[in-house]
Protein backbone atom coordinates (compact mmCIF):
# COMPACT_ATOMS: atom_id res chain seq x y z
CA MET A 1 0.00 0.00 0.00
CA LEU A 2 1.38 3.39 -0.93
CA VAL A 3 0.99 6.09 1.69
CA PRO A 4 1.14 9.74 0.67
CA ILE A 5 4.14 11.41 2.22
CA VAL A 6 3.12 14.46 4.17
CA THR A 7 5.82 16.37 5.93
CA ALA A 8 5.94 18.27 9.15
CA VAL A 9 7.72 21.57 8.65
CA VAL A 10 9.08 23.99 11.19
CA ALA A 11 10.67 27.33 10.34
CA LEU A 12 14.35 27.68 11.11
CA ILE A 13 15.80 30.49 13.12
CA GLY A 14 16.96 32.93 10.46
CA GLY A 15 14.67 31.50 7.75
CA GLY A 16 14.41 28.25 5.81
CA THR A 17 12.72 25.01 6.82
CA MET A 18 13.64 21.62 8.19
CA GLU A 19 11.25 18.79 7.33
CA LEU A 20 10.65 15.40 8.97
CA ARG A 21 8.53 12.71 7.34
CA SER A 22 7.88 9.00 7.19
CA PRO A 23 6.97 7.00 4.10
CA ALA A 24 4.99 4.73 6.48
CA PHE A 25 2.34 7.26 7.58
CA PRO A 26 1.30 10.85 6.84
CA HIS A 27 1.56 13.74 9.29
CA ASN A 28 -1.39 13.44 11.71
CA GLY A 29 -2.20 10.03 10.19
CA ALA A 30 -2.46 6.56 11.70
CA ILE A 31 0.77 4.72 12.48
CA PRO A 32 0.65 1.23 10.90
CA ARG A 33 0.36 -1.72 13.31
CA THR A 34 3.85 -2.98 12.33
CA TYR A 35 5.42 -0.15 14.36
CA THR A 36 3.40 -0.89 17.53
CA CYS A 37 3.14 -3.42 20.36
CA GLU A 38 0.48 -5.24 18.35
CA GLY A 39 2.86 -5.70 15.44
CA ALA A 40 6.61 -6.19 15.08
CA ASP A 41 7.25 -3.17 17.38
CA VAL A 42 9.99 -1.84 15.11
CA SER A 43 10.74 1.82 14.47
CA PRO A 44 9.16 3.40 11.41
CA PRO A 45 11.38 4.74 8.63
CA LEU A 46 12.11 8.45 9.05
CA GLN A 47 13.52 10.92 6.53
CA TRP A 48 14.50 14.56 6.86
CA HIS A 49 16.05 17.43 4.97
CA GLY A 50 16.68 21.14 5.36
CA VAL A 51 19.13 20.78 8.24
CA PRO A 52 20.47 24.29 8.82
CA PRO A 53 24.09 25.36 8.34
CA GLY A 54 26.04 25.22 11.59
CA THR A 55 24.36 22.04 12.78
CA LYS A 56 26.88 19.92 14.70
CA SER A 57 24.51 17.16 15.87
CA MET A 58 20.87 16.20 15.91
CA ALA A 59 18.53 14.66 18.46
CA LEU A 60 15.28 12.71 18.14
CA ILE A 61 12.64 12.32 20.83
CA VAL A 62 9.47 10.28 20.33
CA ASP A 63 6.79 10.68 22.97
CA ASP A 64 3.07 10.36 23.70
CA PRO A 65 1.49 13.27 25.62
CA ASP A 66 -1.84 11.43 25.95
CA ALA A 67 -0.89 8.78 28.54
CA PRO A 68 -2.66 6.95 29.91
CA ASP A 69 -6.03 8.18 28.58
CA PRO A 70 -6.31 10.95 25.93
CA ARG A 71 -9.47 12.22 27.66
CA ALA A 72 -7.55 12.63 30.94
CA PRO A 73 -3.80 12.63 30.22
CA ARG A 74 -1.57 12.48 33.29
CA ARG A 75 1.88 12.23 31.78
CA THR A 76 3.96 12.13 28.63
CA TRP A 77 5.30 8.64 27.86
CA VAL A 78 8.73 8.57 26.20
CA HIS A 79 9.18 5.98 23.44
CA TRP A 80 12.62 6.77 21.99
CA VAL A 81 15.59 9.04 22.72
CA LEU A 82 18.50 9.50 20.29
CA PHE A 83 21.19 12.18 20.22
CA ASN A 84 24.47 13.06 18.51
CA ILE A 85 22.98 11.98 15.21
CA PRO A 86 25.48 13.33 12.66
CA PRO A 87 24.21 16.33 10.66
CA THR A 88 25.08 14.48 7.44
CA ALA A 89 22.49 11.78 8.21
CA THR A 90 19.21 12.17 6.32
CA ALA A 91 17.22 9.15 7.45
CA LEU A 92 16.72 6.25 9.81
CA PRO A 93 15.60 2.98 8.21
CA GLU A 94 12.64 0.93 9.36
CA GLY A 95 13.46 -1.24 12.36
CA VAL A 96 16.84 0.41 12.93
CA ARG A 97 18.84 -1.38 15.64
CA SER A 98 21.48 0.15 17.91
CA ASP A 99 24.30 -1.25 15.77
CA GLN A 100 22.73 0.25 12.62
CA LEU A 101 22.38 3.84 13.83
CA PRO A 102 24.46 6.47 12.01
CA HIS A 103 28.05 6.54 13.29
CA GLY A 104 28.32 8.53 16.50
CA THR A 105 24.61 8.39 17.36
CA ARG A 106 23.97 7.72 21.04
CA GLU A 107 20.87 6.41 22.77
CA GLY A 108 18.99 7.66 25.78
CA ILE A 109 16.60 5.90 28.12
CA ASN A 110 12.89 5.60 27.31
CA ASP A 111 10.09 5.17 29.86
CA TRP A 112 10.52 1.39 29.80
CA LYS A 113 13.91 2.14 31.41
CA ARG A 114 15.84 0.86 28.38
CA THR A 115 17.44 2.16 25.21
CA GLY A 116 15.90 1.69 21.80
CA TYR A 117 12.50 2.19 20.25
CA GLY A 118 9.32 1.12 22.00
CA GLY A 119 6.27 1.43 19.81
CA PRO A 120 2.80 2.74 20.55
CA CYS A 121 0.79 0.57 22.94
CA PRO A 122 -1.93 2.82 24.37
CA PRO A 123 -4.06 1.31 27.14
CA ILE A 124 -7.17 3.21 26.04
CA GLY A 125 -8.23 5.46 23.18
CA ARG A 126 -6.38 6.97 20.22
CA HIS A 127 -3.08 8.55 21.25
CA ARG A 128 -0.82 11.02 19.45
CA TYR A 129 2.88 10.22 18.99
CA PHE A 130 5.24 13.14 18.45
CA PHE A 131 8.46 12.46 16.51
CA LYS A 132 10.59 15.55 17.25
CA LEU A 133 13.87 16.11 15.42
CA TYR A 134 16.22 18.84 16.65
CA ALA A 135 19.21 20.41 14.89
CA LEU A 136 21.81 21.45 17.49
CA ASP A 137 24.86 23.71 17.34
CA THR A 138 26.95 21.27 19.40
CA PRO A 139 27.39 17.57 20.11
CA LEU A 140 26.25 16.59 23.60
CA GLU A 141 28.34 14.85 26.26
CA LEU A 142 25.78 12.65 27.99
CA ASP A 143 25.61 9.04 29.12
CA LYS A 144 22.21 7.44 28.40
CA PRO A 145 20.09 10.47 29.32
CA THR A 146 16.39 10.52 29.95
CA LYS A 147 14.26 12.81 27.79
CA ALA A 148 14.33 15.45 30.55
CA GLU A 149 18.14 15.30 30.83
CA LEU A 150 18.49 15.56 27.04
CA GLU A 151 16.11 18.53 26.88
CA THR A 152 18.08 20.29 29.61
CA ALA A 153 21.35 19.72 27.74
CA MET A 154 19.81 20.99 24.47
CA ARG A 155 18.66 24.31 25.97
CA GLY A 156 20.29 27.21 24.15
CA HIS A 157 21.64 24.91 21.40
CA ILE A 158 18.56 24.29 19.20
CA LEU A 159 18.90 25.71 15.68
CA ALA A 160 15.73 24.10 14.31
CA GLU A 161 13.03 21.59 15.15
CA ALA A 162 10.70 19.51 12.97
CA VAL A 163 7.76 17.53 14.28
CA LEU A 164 5.91 14.61 12.72
CA ILE A 165 2.76 13.41 14.51
CA GLY A 166 1.23 9.97 14.13
CA THR A 167 -1.75 8.44 15.91
CA TYR A 168 -2.58 4.95 17.11
CA GLN A 169 -5.41 3.11 18.84
CA ARG A 170 -5.09 -0.56 19.73
CA SER A 171 -7.43 -2.78 17.75
CA SER A 172 -8.25 -4.91 20.78
CA ARG A 173 -9.41 -1.94 22.88
C-alpha cells in the first residue's frame, strides 16, 4: 500500500525550513500496526532534509502526551531518545537497531527504562505520537540520558526543530 508522504515543517531560526517525514504514515495520520506493540514493534522509517548550516549534531525524541487516557492525560510517555545523530544523516531505516544507527549516534533511556524504540501501545483510546527532530549547534556529552536530561542539555543549542505526529489506537481496545 502506498501512503502519501506528508511532511511536518518547522521554520528555522533565520529563515528556511527543516522537514521530517515518514513513508509509512502521513503527518497526523495513523501509524501502521507494524510499528506498535500489536505488530513487530519496530521503528518506522524516518527521513528529513533542510538541516540548517552550523548544525553539529541532531537529536530525536518520540513521545506520547496522551498517557494513559487521551481524555484525561496524566503524563507524557517517552518511546525513543537518540542524540548526537550526525548532521550528514538524512534518514533512519525501518526497524533500525542500535548497531545500525548512524556513526556517532547515542541512545537515551525511554520510559521502559531501556534504550531503543518502544512502539505505541496505548491502554485506552487513540493517542498522538510526536516524533521531534532537533538540529543542534553542538554535540552533547551525555551518558544514556532521559528525555528530561536531554532537553536540559539541548537548551540554548537548538537551531531548528521539525515535528511529525502519528496516531494509534489498539485494535483490541
